[in-house]
Protein backbone atom coordinates (compact mmCIF):
# COMPACT_ATOMS: atom_id res chain seq x y z
CA MET A 1 136.65 12.59 -149.62
CA ILE A 2 138.14 13.60 -152.87
CA THR A 3 137.27 15.97 -155.69
CA THR A 4 137.91 14.85 -158.77
CA LYS A 5 136.76 15.19 -162.46
CA ILE A 6 135.76 13.59 -165.50
CA ASP A 7 135.01 15.38 -169.01
CA ASP A 8 134.33 18.54 -166.80
CA GLU A 9 131.99 16.89 -164.35
CA VAL A 10 133.10 17.39 -160.97
CA PHE A 11 132.40 14.32 -158.42
CA ARG A 12 133.13 14.93 -155.07
CA ILE A 13 133.40 11.08 -153.61
CA PRO A 14 135.54 8.82 -151.49
CA LYS A 15 138.95 8.19 -152.46
CA LYS A 16 138.44 4.50 -153.05
CA TYR A 17 136.23 5.17 -155.90
CA LYS A 18 138.50 5.70 -159.35
CA LEU A 19 136.30 7.04 -162.12
CA ILE A 20 136.34 5.36 -165.49
CA GLU A 21 134.00 6.83 -168.07
CA ILE A 22 130.44 8.31 -168.63
CA ARG A 23 128.12 6.11 -169.28
CA GLY A 24 125.10 8.62 -169.75
CA GLN A 25 123.83 11.87 -168.86
CA GLY A 26 121.29 14.77 -168.82
CA SER A 27 120.31 18.41 -167.77
CA TYR A 28 119.77 16.71 -164.13
CA GLY A 29 122.77 14.47 -163.74
CA VAL A 30 125.42 11.86 -165.21
CA VAL A 31 126.31 8.30 -164.59
CA VAL A 32 129.85 7.19 -164.72
CA SER A 33 131.11 3.81 -164.22
CA ALA A 34 133.72 3.42 -161.61
CA LYS A 35 136.29 1.06 -159.45
CA ASP A 36 135.72 0.53 -155.92
CA THR A 37 139.20 -0.18 -155.28
CA VAL A 38 138.43 -1.37 -151.76
CA LYS A 39 136.08 -4.17 -152.99
CA ASN A 40 137.78 -4.85 -156.36
CA GLU A 41 134.36 -4.38 -158.10
CA LEU A 42 132.93 -2.26 -160.76
CA VAL A 43 130.18 0.01 -159.62
CA ALA A 44 127.95 3.07 -161.34
CA ILE A 45 127.74 6.51 -159.83
CA LYS A 46 124.76 8.43 -160.57
CA LYS A 47 125.68 12.33 -159.50
CA ASN A 48 122.02 13.64 -158.93
CA ARG A 49 122.88 17.74 -159.69
CA ASN A 50 121.93 20.52 -157.57
CA VAL A 51 118.87 18.84 -156.14
CA TYR A 52 118.71 20.70 -152.61
CA PRO A 53 119.09 24.59 -151.94
CA VAL A 54 122.64 25.44 -150.47
CA TYR A 55 122.34 27.23 -147.25
CA HIS A 56 124.48 29.90 -146.05
CA THR A 57 126.69 28.16 -143.39
CA GLU A 58 126.03 30.98 -140.87
CA LYS A 59 122.51 30.87 -138.98
CA LYS A 60 121.15 33.05 -137.18
CA LYS A 61 118.41 32.07 -134.58
CA GLY A 62 118.70 28.64 -136.07
CA GLU A 63 117.21 29.66 -139.47
CA TYR A 64 118.52 28.49 -142.52
CA ALA A 65 118.77 31.24 -145.23
CA ILE A 66 119.33 29.79 -149.01
CA ASN A 67 122.20 30.87 -150.88
CA GLU A 68 120.96 31.97 -154.01
CA ALA A 69 124.04 31.74 -155.94
CA TYR A 70 123.31 28.04 -156.21
CA SER A 71 120.61 26.52 -158.25
CA HIS A 72 118.19 23.96 -157.25
CA ARG A 73 115.52 21.90 -158.22
CA SER A 74 111.65 21.88 -157.98
CA GLU A 75 110.08 20.17 -154.69
CA THR A 76 108.70 17.76 -157.15
CA SER A 77 112.10 16.67 -158.46
CA GLN A 78 113.64 16.60 -154.69
CA LYS A 79 111.04 14.27 -153.52
CA ARG A 80 111.50 11.83 -156.59
CA ILE A 81 115.01 11.62 -155.62
CA LEU A 82 114.25 11.14 -151.86
CA ARG A 83 111.73 8.77 -152.68
CA GLU A 84 114.11 6.79 -154.95
CA LEU A 85 116.84 6.61 -152.27
CA LYS A 86 114.54 5.29 -149.60
CA ILE A 87 112.63 2.82 -151.73
CA LEU A 88 116.15 1.43 -152.76
CA MET A 89 117.25 1.20 -148.83
CA HIS A 90 114.14 -0.80 -148.31
CA PHE A 91 114.76 -3.29 -150.88
CA GLY A 92 117.92 -4.20 -150.01
CA GLN A 93 119.93 -6.67 -152.14
CA HIS A 94 117.62 -8.68 -154.26
CA PRO A 95 119.02 -10.32 -157.52
CA ASN A 96 116.44 -8.72 -160.01
CA ILE A 97 116.40 -5.11 -158.34
CA VAL A 98 119.17 -2.55 -159.21
CA SER A 99 121.03 -2.43 -155.66
CA LEU A 100 122.15 0.59 -153.51
CA LYS A 101 125.76 0.09 -152.60
CA ASP A 102 126.54 3.12 -151.47
CA VAL A 103 125.39 7.08 -150.72
CA ILE A 104 128.03 9.56 -150.74
CA LEU A 105 128.01 11.23 -147.41
CA PRO A 106 127.42 14.88 -147.68
CA LYS A 107 130.14 17.28 -146.35
CA SER A 108 127.24 19.13 -144.29
CA PHE A 109 123.53 19.65 -144.04
CA GLU A 110 123.80 23.30 -145.03
CA LEU A 111 126.28 22.60 -148.08
CA PHE A 112 123.99 19.17 -149.21
CA SER A 113 122.99 19.74 -152.67
CA ASP A 114 123.96 17.09 -155.02
CA VAL A 115 122.95 13.17 -154.08
CA TYR A 116 125.18 10.86 -155.35
CA PHE A 117 123.93 7.06 -155.59
CA VAL A 118 126.52 4.02 -155.91
CA THR A 119 124.75 0.93 -157.42
CA ASP A 120 125.38 -2.29 -159.72
CA LEU A 121 127.18 -1.64 -163.18
CA MET A 122 124.72 -2.88 -165.68
CA GLU A 123 126.14 -3.16 -169.31
CA CYS A 124 122.94 -1.93 -171.37
CA ASP A 125 119.46 -1.75 -171.00
CA LEU A 126 116.44 -3.67 -172.80
CA LYS A 127 115.44 -0.87 -174.88
CA ASN A 128 119.54 -1.15 -176.24
CA ILE A 129 118.60 -4.86 -176.68
CA ILE A 130 115.08 -4.19 -178.42
CA GLU A 131 116.47 -1.22 -181.02
CA SER A 132 119.56 -3.77 -181.77
CA ASP A 133 120.10 -6.61 -184.22
CA GLN A 134 120.59 -9.16 -181.67
CA VAL A 135 118.53 -12.30 -182.41
CA LEU A 136 116.54 -13.13 -179.25
CA THR A 137 115.47 -16.69 -178.77
CA PRO A 138 112.06 -18.10 -176.88
CA SER A 139 114.42 -18.91 -174.14
CA HIS A 140 115.97 -15.16 -174.08
CA ILE A 141 112.58 -13.59 -173.52
CA GLN A 142 111.15 -16.09 -171.43
CA TYR A 143 114.00 -15.63 -168.99
CA PHE A 144 113.68 -11.94 -169.36
CA MET A 145 110.16 -11.90 -168.46
CA TYR A 146 110.60 -14.49 -165.37
CA GLN A 147 113.01 -12.23 -163.86
CA ILE A 148 110.81 -8.98 -164.55
CA LEU A 149 108.18 -10.67 -162.53
CA ILE A 150 110.20 -11.88 -160.01
CA ALA A 151 111.25 -8.49 -159.48
CA LEU A 152 107.52 -7.28 -159.48
CA HIS A 153 106.46 -9.65 -157.00
CA TYR A 154 108.78 -8.39 -154.44
CA ILE A 155 108.17 -4.74 -155.42
CA HIS A 156 104.37 -5.31 -154.70
CA SER A 157 104.84 -7.34 -151.73
CA ALA A 158 106.24 -4.28 -150.26
CA ASN A 159 102.94 -2.15 -151.32
CA ILE A 160 105.08 -0.39 -154.23
CA LEU A 161 104.08 0.20 -157.48
CA HIS A 162 106.86 0.74 -159.74
CA ARG A 163 104.61 2.92 -162.02
CA ASP A 164 106.96 3.74 -165.02
CA LEU A 165 108.14 0.28 -166.02
CA LYS A 166 109.68 0.22 -169.41
CA PRO A 167 112.52 -1.27 -171.34
CA GLU A 168 114.94 1.69 -170.42
CA ASN A 169 114.20 1.07 -166.67
CA ILE A 170 115.25 -2.50 -167.32
CA LEU A 171 118.81 -3.19 -167.15
CA LEU A 172 120.58 -6.19 -168.66
CA ASN A 173 124.48 -8.12 -168.45
CA SER A 174 125.58 -10.06 -171.13
CA ASP A 175 124.67 -13.19 -169.32
CA CYS A 176 121.07 -12.13 -169.26
CA GLU A 177 121.10 -11.13 -165.65
CA LEU A 178 117.99 -8.38 -165.21
CA LYS A 179 117.44 -5.69 -162.75
CA VAL A 180 114.60 -3.30 -162.66
CA CYS A 181 115.41 0.56 -161.78
CA ASP A 182 114.23 3.84 -161.31
CA PHE A 183 111.78 4.00 -158.97
CA GLY A 184 111.42 7.95 -158.49
CA LEU A 185 107.59 7.65 -159.83
CA ALA A 186 106.75 4.89 -157.26
CA ARG A 187 103.75 5.06 -155.19
CA TYR A 188 102.13 3.06 -152.66
CA VAL A 189 98.98 0.55 -153.74
CA ASP A 190 95.79 2.12 -153.14
CA PHE A 191 97.45 5.60 -153.75
CA LYS A 192 94.84 8.19 -155.25
CA HIS A 193 97.05 9.55 -158.15
CA ASP A 194 96.06 12.64 -159.62
CA MET A 195 96.08 12.16 -163.60
CA SER A 196 96.67 16.13 -164.17
CA THR A 197 100.26 15.46 -163.39
CA SER A 198 102.59 13.81 -166.40
CA PHE A 199 104.49 11.92 -163.57
CA VAL A 200 102.89 8.54 -163.94
CA VAL A 201 103.62 5.86 -166.42
CA THR A 202 105.29 6.28 -169.89
CA ARG A 203 102.38 6.62 -172.20
CA TRP A 204 103.17 3.45 -174.31
CA TYR A 205 102.92 1.20 -171.43
CA ARG A 206 100.26 2.99 -169.60
CA SER A 207 97.17 0.90 -168.54
CA PRO A 208 93.90 1.54 -169.42
CA GLU A 209 92.57 2.26 -166.00
CA LEU A 210 95.25 5.13 -165.90
CA LEU A 211 94.00 6.40 -169.39
CA LEU A 212 90.56 6.37 -168.11
CA SER A 213 91.59 8.63 -165.07
CA ASN A 214 90.40 5.79 -162.77
CA ALA A 215 91.82 7.25 -159.50
CA SER A 216 90.58 3.92 -157.31
CA CYS A 217 92.40 1.44 -159.50
CA ASN A 218 95.98 1.68 -158.13
CA SER A 219 97.24 -1.75 -157.61
CA GLY A 220 99.94 -4.08 -159.15
CA ALA A 221 98.14 -4.79 -162.10
CA ILE A 222 99.34 -1.13 -163.56
CA ASP A 223 102.91 -2.57 -163.37
CA ILE A 224 101.50 -5.83 -165.16
CA TRP A 225 100.15 -3.76 -167.96
CA SER A 226 103.67 -2.40 -168.37
CA ALA A 227 105.14 -5.80 -168.23
CA GLY A 228 103.07 -7.28 -170.74
CA CYS A 229 103.65 -4.33 -173.39
CA ILE A 230 107.43 -5.28 -172.76
CA PHE A 231 106.75 -8.55 -173.42
CA ALA A 232 104.82 -7.86 -176.80
CA GLU A 233 107.63 -5.97 -177.77
CA LEU A 234 109.88 -8.78 -177.62
CA LEU A 235 107.85 -11.27 -179.15
CA GLY A 236 107.59 -9.20 -182.51
CA ARG A 237 109.47 -9.87 -185.55
CA LYS A 238 110.22 -6.20 -185.92
CA ARG A 239 109.96 -5.40 -182.05
CA ARG A 240 107.80 -2.63 -182.16
CA VAL A 241 105.84 -0.85 -179.58
CA LEU A 242 102.71 -2.51 -179.54
CA PHE A 243 100.44 0.77 -178.28
CA PRO A 244 102.51 3.52 -179.90
CA GLY A 245 99.92 6.31 -179.04
CA ASN A 246 100.41 10.20 -180.10
CA ASN A 247 98.56 11.29 -177.01
CA PRO A 248 96.30 9.68 -174.32
CA ILE A 249 93.71 9.46 -176.24
CA ASP A 250 95.23 8.03 -179.31
CA GLN A 251 96.77 5.63 -176.79
CA LEU A 252 93.31 4.12 -175.28
CA THR A 253 91.95 4.07 -178.99
CA LYS A 254 95.08 1.80 -180.33
CA ILE A 255 94.57 -0.39 -177.21
CA VAL A 256 90.58 -1.00 -177.79
CA GLN A 257 91.20 -1.31 -181.47
CA LEU A 258 93.67 -4.39 -180.71
CA LEU A 259 91.91 -5.46 -177.63
CA GLY A 260 88.31 -5.04 -178.79
CA THR A 261 85.35 -2.62 -177.58
CA PRO A 262 85.21 -3.71 -173.44
CA HIS A 263 82.13 -4.95 -172.06
CA PRO A 264 80.69 -1.87 -169.94
CA SER A 265 81.33 -4.01 -166.81
CA ASP A 266 85.07 -3.70 -167.52
CA ILE A 267 84.97 -0.12 -167.52
CA LYS A 268 82.62 0.29 -164.90
CA ALA A 269 85.13 2.39 -162.04
CA ALA A 270 86.09 4.70 -165.07
CA THR A 271 85.10 8.32 -165.14
CA GLU A 272 81.64 9.19 -166.88
CA ASP A 273 83.87 10.79 -169.90
CA GLY A 274 86.39 7.78 -169.77
CA LYS A 275 83.14 5.54 -170.31
CA GLN A 276 81.40 7.61 -172.95
CA PHE A 277 84.71 7.85 -174.72
CA VAL A 278 85.36 4.29 -175.10
CA LEU A 279 82.07 3.11 -175.66
CA ASN A 280 81.35 5.83 -178.67
CA LEU A 281 84.63 4.55 -180.57
CA PRO A 282 83.46 2.36 -183.77
CA TYR A 283 83.21 -1.10 -182.51
CA SER A 284 86.42 -3.05 -182.28
CA LYS A 285 86.69 -7.00 -182.39
CA LYS A 286 89.40 -8.40 -180.88
CA LYS A 287 92.28 -9.13 -182.83
CA PRO A 288 93.75 -12.79 -182.16
CA TRP A 289 97.43 -12.87 -180.70
CA ASN A 290 98.25 -15.85 -182.83
CA LYS A 291 97.92 -13.70 -186.02
CA LEU A 292 100.44 -10.85 -184.59
CA PHE A 293 102.82 -13.22 -183.00
CA PRO A 294 102.64 -16.59 -185.07
CA ASP A 295 105.81 -17.99 -183.96
CA SER A 296 104.81 -18.12 -180.35
CA SER A 297 103.51 -20.82 -178.62
CA ALA A 298 100.32 -21.52 -176.94
CA ASP A 299 101.38 -20.86 -173.75
CA CYS A 300 103.26 -17.79 -174.51
CA LEU A 301 100.13 -16.28 -175.84
CA ASP A 302 97.90 -17.39 -173.25
CA PHE A 303 100.13 -15.65 -170.60
CA LEU A 304 100.61 -12.53 -172.70
CA ASP A 305 96.45 -12.47 -172.97
CA LYS A 306 96.25 -12.73 -168.98
CA MET A 307 98.68 -9.63 -168.70
CA LEU A 308 96.76 -7.52 -171.17
CA GLN A 309 93.44 -7.89 -169.97
CA PHE A 310 91.54 -4.35 -170.19
CA ASN A 311 89.90 -4.67 -166.73
CA HIS A 312 92.64 -4.62 -164.28
CA GLU A 313 90.73 -7.14 -162.11
CA LYS A 314 91.15 -10.05 -164.64
CA ARG A 315 94.67 -9.09 -165.05
CA ILE A 316 97.29 -11.65 -163.66
CA SER A 317 99.39 -10.77 -160.53
CA ALA A 318 102.57 -11.13 -160.34
CA TYR A 319 102.71 -14.12 -158.12
CA ASP A 320 100.22 -15.94 -160.32
CA ALA A 321 102.19 -14.89 -163.37
CA LEU A 322 105.47 -16.86 -162.33
CA ARG A 323 103.09 -20.32 -161.87
CA HIS A 324 102.05 -19.89 -165.17
CA PRO A 325 102.63 -22.87 -167.67
CA TYR A 326 104.57 -20.40 -169.78
CA PHE A 327 107.57 -20.85 -167.38
CA LYS A 328 107.09 -24.36 -166.22
CA ASN A 329 110.69 -25.00 -167.51
CA LEU A 330 112.10 -22.12 -164.83
CA PHE A 331 109.70 -22.15 -162.25
CA SER A 332 111.28 -22.81 -158.72
CA GLU A 333 109.66 -21.58 -155.48
CA ASN A 334 113.06 -20.69 -154.09
CA ASP A 335 113.35 -17.87 -156.80
CA ILE A 336 110.43 -16.20 -155.40
CA ILE A 337 111.35 -13.77 -152.56
CA THR A 338 108.51 -11.59 -150.63
CA HIS A 339 109.54 -8.55 -148.66
CA PRO A 340 108.88 -9.08 -144.94
CA ASP A 341 107.79 -5.38 -144.57
CA LYS A 342 105.65 -2.55 -146.14
CA PHE A 343 107.39 0.66 -147.26
CA ASP A 344 106.78 3.64 -145.17
CA PHE A 345 105.48 6.37 -147.31
CA ARG A 346 104.97 9.12 -144.81
CA PHE A 347 107.55 11.41 -146.05
CA GLU A 348 105.25 11.83 -149.10
CA LYS A 349 103.76 14.36 -146.44
CA TYR A 350 106.75 17.04 -147.08
CA GLU A 351 106.22 19.47 -149.18
CA ASP A 352 108.99 22.15 -148.98
CA SER A 353 112.37 21.92 -149.83
CA LYS A 354 113.92 22.19 -146.36
CA SER A 355 111.91 19.37 -144.92
CA LEU A 356 112.64 17.43 -148.09
CA LYS A 357 116.49 18.08 -147.81
CA ARG A 358 116.61 16.96 -144.05
CA GLU A 359 114.72 13.99 -144.84
CA CYS A 360 116.94 12.93 -147.46
CA TYR A 361 119.95 14.02 -145.22
CA ASN A 362 118.79 12.12 -142.55
CA SER A 363 118.22 8.83 -144.92
CA ILE A 364 121.56 9.26 -145.77
CA LEU A 365 123.14 9.14 -142.50
CA ALA A 366 120.86 6.35 -141.53
CA PHE A 367 122.05 4.24 -144.67
CA HIS A 368 125.66 4.85 -143.13
CA GLU A 369 124.31 3.45 -140.29
CA LYS A 370 122.98 0.13 -141.69
CA GLN A 371 126.14 -0.87 -143.74
CA ASN A 372 125.87 -4.32 -142.29
CA VAL A 373 122.59 -4.89 -143.70
CA LYS A 374 122.02 -8.51 -144.05
CA ARG A 375 122.23 -9.58 -147.68
CA ILE A 376 119.04 -11.19 -149.33
CA THR A 377 119.87 -14.63 -150.94
CA THR A 378 118.07 -16.89 -153.29
CA THR A 379 119.06 -20.49 -154.11
CA ARG A 380 118.70 -20.87 -157.89
CA THR A 381 117.75 -24.57 -158.65
CA ALA A 382 118.89 -24.17 -162.36
CA SER A 383 122.10 -22.57 -163.67
CA LYS A 384 122.26 -19.55 -166.35
CA SER A 385 123.39 -22.21 -168.69
CA ASN A 386 120.60 -24.59 -168.19
CA ARG A 387 117.93 -21.79 -168.71
CA LEU A 388 119.54 -19.84 -171.90
CA GLU A 389 120.46 -21.02 -175.25
CA SER A 390 123.02 -18.11 -175.69
CA PRO A 391 124.24 -15.11 -174.13
CA ILE A 392 123.65 -11.79 -175.43
CA SER A 393 127.24 -10.64 -175.80
CA ASP A 394 127.39 -9.50 -179.16
CA VAL A 395 125.08 -6.59 -178.67
CA ILE A 396 126.87 -5.64 -175.18
CA GLU A 397 130.11 -5.58 -177.14
CA GLU A 398 128.61 -3.47 -179.81
CA TYR A 399 127.37 -0.82 -177.37
CA PHE A 400 130.19 -1.00 -174.98
CA GLY A 401 133.23 -2.28 -176.61
CA GLU A 402 136.18 -2.89 -174.36
CA THR A 403 135.13 -0.70 -171.42
CA LYS A 404 133.49 -3.69 -169.75
CA LYS A 405 136.50 -5.91 -169.40
């Protein structure tokens, strides 16, 4: 293990990793590109700063005393890091989900504070593409959505909801390889969410049932709605957000104005306040999709419509979506992977920093004990060159220049 610096950011990592450059940073962490000199491959290393409290190394009667000289995050943030770690460990190696290649071993439990994830190095995210001038053909959009839904089927089969699907959390390479990332807000199916927290789905991609505070509606349909919003963004000539609400009420209003006033039976599970709000809005007739997206095929718009149903019970599942006629030239059963095991969310019961830190520390130790986990493979029946008209290399070069070479 060595200590090294890049732009004044200190990393404590194994010697085999050679840092290249910072790819992104915020108040809570930094992501760098690096080379694994043993495997001779490029990786991304995310340093999550000051996650857990540092304890004094001298213990008395088995007690841990927090070293106040070091800052640490809230229990909510600590649990989010733990959740991300455990879910990525559970998923293993899936072609359309970012893979956890390594987690840096802490020096000791007492000094364990920063959490380092080593993952696939991807070249940009879907938001970069949407905001660029890159031309996207129907084949590009179709292949992006196909990969997103393959990932969602796998995620949902493990009884997990992503809950924060948005363009920033969809990573891409110039050959159009796509991977879903960021599972810090994920929950289990049928989780009873608390709408008083902001930690649930970025507003523009939030489903009507969440906006209506319907705690009983937690199914994969939440993620399908988000994917449908992303799909619509890609289809538009100007690639604009479909429902750019300024607040939750404005968000719901924009949805009703586009999809039309829902039938009372479609909001029967909403709270009484939610029902009254929707029914008291001025009556709206559904806008035809072919007026919004005149360049799109009938199959494409039918597929979009099935994803963006106001009633979550009528929304298409990831499993059925992959079999929609829109994907008839792409679909292969060999592409579909179902996770054999449901994810264990029992760690969610921990609320205090010490328990969360211990669980994270033990999970990292367990990861290193299982380094020989069998890789999930899938046989692609069609090559990428057959599926796509062209790569998106131009915009990749614009964002990252020579660094990817």
